[in-house]
Every structure is written in C-alpha cells, then in structure tokens.
C-alpha atoms as a PDB file:
ATOM      1  CA  UNK A   1      13.114   0.534 -14.311  1.00  0.00           C
ATOM      2  CA  UNK A   2      14.038  -0.720 -10.679  1.00  0.00           C
ATOM      3  CA  UNK A   3      17.362   1.676 -11.823  1.00  0.00           C
ATOM      4  CA  UNK A   4      15.454   4.425 -11.351  1.00  0.00           C
ATOM      5  CA  UNK A   5      13.939   3.008  -8.446  1.00  0.00           C
ATOM      6  CA  UNK A   6      17.131   2.727  -7.050  1.00  0.00           C
ATOM      7  CA  UNK A   7      18.632   5.796  -7.489  1.00  0.00           C
ATOM      8  CA  UNK A   8      15.387   7.779  -6.233  1.00  0.00           C
ATOM      9  CA  UNK A   9      15.616   5.973  -3.517  1.00  0.00           C
ATOM     10  CA  UNK A  10      19.082   6.293  -2.944  1.00  0.00           C
ATOM     11  CA  UNK A  11      19.295   9.810  -3.507  1.00  0.00           C
ATOM     12  CA  UNK A  12      16.948  10.269  -0.892  1.00  0.00           C
ATOM     13  CA  UNK A  13      18.807   8.369   1.718  1.00  0.00           C
ATOM     14  CA  UNK A  14      22.214  10.068   1.388  1.00  0.00           C
ATOM     15  CA  UNK A  15      19.990  12.860   1.207  1.00  0.00           C
ATOM     16  CA  UNK A  16      18.635  11.790   5.245  1.00  0.00           C
ATOM     17  CA  UNK A  17      22.548  10.970   5.583  1.00  0.00           C
ATOM     18  CA  UNK A  18      24.105  14.020   5.066  1.00  0.00           C
ATOM     19  CA  UNK A  19      21.526  17.205   6.024  1.00  0.00           C
ATOM     20  CA  UNK A  20      24.148  17.556   9.486  1.00  0.00           C
ATOM     21  CA  UNK A  21      26.996  17.904   7.250  1.00  0.00           C
ATOM     22  CA  UNK A  22      25.317  20.508   4.322  1.00  0.00           C
ATOM     23  CA  UNK A  23      27.195  17.578   1.312  1.00  0.00           C
ATOM     24  CA  UNK A  24      24.533  17.073  -1.099  1.00  0.00           C
ATOM     25  CA  UNK A  25      27.025  15.675  -4.454  1.00  0.00           C
ATOM     26  CA  UNK A  26      25.713  12.411  -4.935  1.00  0.00           C
ATOM     27  CA  UNK A  27      22.387  12.475  -3.461  1.00  0.00           C
ATOM     28  CA  UNK A  28      22.117  14.910  -6.125  1.00  0.00           C
ATOM     29  CA  UNK A  29      23.352  13.182  -8.956  1.00  0.00           C
ATOM     30  CA  UNK A  30      21.185   9.358  -7.988  1.00  0.00           C
ATOM     31  CA  UNK A  31      18.184  12.175  -8.620  1.00  0.00           C
ATOM     32  CA  UNK A  32      20.181  13.300 -11.719  1.00  0.00           C
ATOM     33  CA  UNK A  33      20.429   9.401 -12.351  1.00  0.00           C
ATOM     34  CA  UNK A  34      16.621   8.912 -11.554  1.00  0.00           C
ATOM     35  CA  UNK A  35      15.587  11.421 -13.613  1.00  0.00           C
ATOM     36  CA  UNK A  36      17.965  11.084 -16.732  1.00  0.00           C
ATOM     37  CA  UNK A  37      15.714   7.131 -16.315  1.00  0.00           C
ATOM     38  CA  UNK A  38      12.297   7.771 -15.823  1.00  0.00           C
ATOM     39  CA  UNK A  39      12.561  10.643 -18.350  1.00  0.00           C
ATOM     40  CA  UNK A  40      14.329   8.423 -21.212  1.00  0.00           C
ATOM     41  CA  UNK A  41      10.985   5.474 -20.307  1.00  0.00           C
ATOM     42  CA  UNK A  42       8.748   6.881 -18.759  1.00  0.00           C
ATOM     43  CA  UNK A  43       5.408   9.589 -20.513  1.00  0.00           C
ATOM     44  CA  UNK A  44       5.726  12.602 -18.866  1.00  0.00           C
ATOM     45  CA  UNK A  45       2.561  11.690 -17.531  1.00  0.00           C
ATOM     46  CA  UNK A  46       3.853   9.100 -15.468  1.00  0.00           C
ATOM     47  CA  UNK A  47       3.479   9.552 -11.273  1.00  0.00           C
ATOM     48  CA  UNK A  48       7.307   8.423 -10.631  1.00  0.00           C
ATOM     49  CA  UNK A  49       8.290  11.572 -12.142  1.00  0.00           C
ATOM     50  CA  UNK A  50       6.086  13.875 -10.083  1.00  0.00           C
ATOM     51  CA  UNK A  51       8.247  11.521  -7.302  1.00  0.00           C
ATOM     52  CA  UNK A  52      12.276  11.795  -9.165  1.00  0.00           C
ATOM     53  CA  UNK A  53      11.927  16.151  -9.256  1.00  0.00           C
ATOM     54  CA  UNK A  54      10.072  16.350  -6.173  1.00  0.00           C
ATOM     55  CA  UNK A  55      13.506  15.086  -4.514  1.00  0.00           C
ATOM     56  CA  UNK A  56      15.605  16.759  -6.420  1.00  0.00           C
ATOM     57  CA  UNK A  57      14.227  21.031  -5.481  1.00  0.00           C
ATOM     58  CA  UNK A  58      14.181  18.600  -1.656  1.00  0.00           C
ATOM     59  CA  UNK A  59      17.985  18.755  -2.898  1.00  0.00           C
ATOM     60  CA  UNK A  60      18.527  22.271  -4.424  1.00  0.00           C
ATOM     61  CA  UNK A  61      16.045  23.519  -1.533  1.00  0.00           C
ATOM     62  CA  UNK A  62      19.012  22.578   0.939  1.00  0.00           C
ATOM     63  CA  UNK A  63      21.659  23.502  -1.610  1.00  0.00           C
ATOM     64  CA  UNK A  64      20.082  27.101  -1.643  1.00  0.00           C
ATOM     65  CA  UNK A  65      20.348  27.323   1.628  1.00  0.00           C
ATOM     66  CA  UNK A  66      24.112  27.304   2.068  1.00  0.00           C
ATOM     67  CA  UNK A  67      24.546  29.463  -1.289  1.00  0.00           C
ATOM     68  CA  UNK A  68      26.484  32.364  -0.764  1.00  0.00           C
ATOM     69  CA  UNK A  69      25.466  34.309  -3.972  1.00  0.00           C
ATOM     70  CA  UNK A  70      22.819  35.408  -4.254  1.00  0.00           C
ATOM     71  CA  UNK A  71      22.032  35.044  -8.461  1.00  0.00           C
ATOM     72  CA  UNK A  72      22.597  31.354  -7.535  1.00  0.00           C
ATOM     73  CA  UNK A  73      20.839  30.720  -4.612  1.00  0.00           C
ATOM     74  CA  UNK A  74      18.029  32.770  -6.680  1.00  0.00           C
ATOM     75  CA  UNK A  75      18.146  29.527  -9.004  1.00  0.00           C
ATOM     76  CA  UNK A  76      18.652  26.693  -7.781  1.00  0.00           C
ATOM     77  CA  UNK A  77      15.155  28.407  -5.674  1.00  0.00           C
ATOM     78  CA  UNK A  78      13.605  28.972  -8.513  1.00  0.00           C
ATOM     79  CA  UNK A  79      14.233  25.841  -9.991  1.00  0.00           C
ATOM     80  CA  UNK A  80      12.938  24.189  -6.908  1.00  0.00           C
ATOM     81  CA  UNK A  81       9.908  25.822  -7.066  1.00  0.00           C
ATOM     82  CA  UNK A  82       9.385  24.746 -10.778  1.00  0.00           C
ATOM     83  CA  UNK A  83      10.024  20.989 -10.266  1.00  0.00           C
ATOM     84  CA  UNK A  84       7.342  21.306  -7.482  1.00  0.00           C
ATOM     85  CA  UNK A  85       4.864  22.845  -9.302  1.00  0.00           C
ATOM     86  CA  UNK A  86       5.258  20.640 -12.058  1.00  0.00           C
ATOM     87  CA  UNK A  87       5.343  17.886  -9.366  1.00  0.00           C
ATOM     88  CA  UNK A  88       1.794  19.117  -7.596  1.00  0.00           C
ATOM     89  CA  UNK A  89       0.476  19.255 -10.477  1.00  0.00           C
ATOM     90  CA  UNK A  90       1.346  15.600 -11.800  1.00  0.00           C
ATOM     91  CA  UNK A  91       0.726  14.315  -8.642  1.00  0.00           C
ATOM     92  CA  UNK A  92      -2.844  17.046  -8.694  1.00  0.00           C
ATOM     93  CA  UNK A  93      -3.886  14.943 -11.942  1.00  0.00           C
ATOM     94  CA  UNK A  94      -3.030  11.396 -11.733  1.00  0.00           C
ATOM     95  CA  UNK A  95      -3.954  11.176  -7.487  1.00  0.00           C
ATOM     96  CA  UNK A  96      -6.603  14.290  -7.606  1.00  0.00           C
ATOM     97  CA  UNK A  97      -6.759  17.120  -4.703  1.00  0.00           C
ATOM     98  CA  UNK A  98      -7.687  14.475  -1.664  1.00  0.00           C
ATOM     99  CA  UNK A  99      -4.416  12.445  -2.069  1.00  0.00           C
ATOM    100  CA  UNK A 100      -1.847  12.684   1.021  1.00  0.00           C
ATOM    101  CA  UNK A 101       1.147  12.534  -1.727  1.00  0.00           C
ATOM    102  CA  UNK A 102      -1.387  15.539  -2.939  1.00  0.00           C
ATOM    103  CA  UNK A 103      -0.587  16.611   0.485  1.00  0.00           C
ATOM    104  CA  UNK A 104       3.011  16.241   0.682  1.00  0.00           C
ATOM    105  CA  UNK A 105       3.389  18.100  -2.461  1.00  0.00           C
ATOM    106  CA  UNK A 106       2.000  21.106  -1.199  1.00  0.00           C
ATOM    107  CA  UNK A 107       3.390  20.971   2.244  1.00  0.00           C
ATOM    108  CA  UNK A 108       6.300  20.618   0.284  1.00  0.00           C
ATOM    109  CA  UNK A 109       5.974  23.701  -1.785  1.00  0.00           C
ATOM    110  CA  UNK A 110       5.376  25.503   2.018  1.00  0.00           C
ATOM    111  CA  UNK A 111       8.512  24.883   3.259  1.00  0.00           C
ATOM    112  CA  UNK A 112       9.816  26.228  -0.334  1.00  0.00           C
ATOM    113  CA  UNK A 113       7.730  29.259   0.086  1.00  0.00           C
ATOM    114  CA  UNK A 114       8.999  30.169   2.887  1.00  0.00           C
ATOM    115  CA  UNK A 115      12.922  30.030   2.357  1.00  0.00           C
ATOM    116  CA  UNK A 116      11.907  32.254  -0.304  1.00  0.00           C
ATOM    117  CA  UNK A 117       9.918  34.569   2.203  1.00  0.00           C
ATOM    118  CA  UNK A 118       6.642  34.465   0.409  1.00  0.00           C
ATOM    119  CA  UNK A 119       4.894  33.881   4.099  1.00  0.00           C
ATOM    120  CA  UNK A 120       1.314  34.885   1.859  1.00  0.00           C
ATOM    121  CA  UNK A 121       1.775  31.780  -0.286  1.00  0.00           C
ATOM    122  CA  UNK A 122       3.088  29.570   2.591  1.00  0.00           C
ATOM    123  CA  UNK A 123       1.041  29.840   4.583  1.00  0.00           C
ATOM    124  CA  UNK A 124      -1.823  29.370   1.592  1.00  0.00           C
ATOM    125  CA  UNK A 125       0.330  25.891   0.785  1.00  0.00           C
ATOM    126  CA  UNK A 126       0.491  24.904   4.121  1.00  0.00           C
ATOM    127  CA  UNK A 127      -3.217  25.243   4.379  1.00  0.00           C
ATOM    128  CA  UNK A 128      -4.057  22.953   2.402  1.00  0.00           C
ATOM    129  CA  UNK A 129      -2.117  19.835   3.088  1.00  0.00           C
ATOM    130  CA  UNK A 130      -2.909  20.504   6.424  1.00  0.00           C
ATOM    131  CA  UNK A 131      -6.611  20.309   4.388  1.00  0.00           C
ATOM    132  CA  UNK A 132      -5.955  16.979   3.028  1.00  0.00           C
ATOM    133  CA  UNK A 133      -4.545  15.442   5.900  1.00  0.00           C
ATOM    134  CA  UNK A 134      -7.360  16.305   8.121  1.00  0.00           C
END
C-alpha cells in the first residue's frame, strides 16, 4: 500500500514539476502504477481509488491541451471526464456532499468542462465547489 501512495505522490510531484514543459510521461507512469496497485489491493469503494483516478484525469487533461490530433484530444478529455465523474461519485458516497474533498472534485470537473467548452456545466460544477467551501 505504501508503494501505491509513493507512486501517487511521485505522480503529483512530477505533474507539478513538469507543468511548464508539458512532458507528463513520468507523472502518467507513476499514476498508472499507483492505480494498478490500488486496484489489486483495495476494495472498489476505497477512497484511494478516487484520489489516484483524479490525478490521472488531471494528467490526461494536460496531455489533451497539447494534443493537435482532434480525435486523440477528444478521447483524452472523455477519459478524463469519466475518471473525474467516478472519483466524484466515490468521494460523495464516502465523505458526503459537504466535504472539502468533494468540493475539490467538483472544481476539477468544472475545469475540465471549461476545457471542453461546456461552459454551463463548468459553471454548475464551480458553483457547487464554491458553495461547499463557503
């Protein structure tokens, strides 16, 4: 389990570090290793699934921003959306609607919808995040 968390931490650290250069290969590799370990060791309703999936979704979003192939970009964004929605659902079921972690998932989904030009959905998600944080 500690290995999964270490890979998740490394994925996030390299994601932040590589934010300026757009090279997310290492962060994606660590995220996928963490997800594989978590999937193998934990029940499907464990909160760590939400965390590792959210991180992978963030990385996929960044990869989509730099993708010039429209089909590939759309595929990355759809996968990120699925991961964010799954993470949000799991977080809500474990921590409840009014938890700050749930707000973080709403905010991430809002950012994704902005990237997808789904501005009404983005606003709805951001407003939910803000309401929880107030």
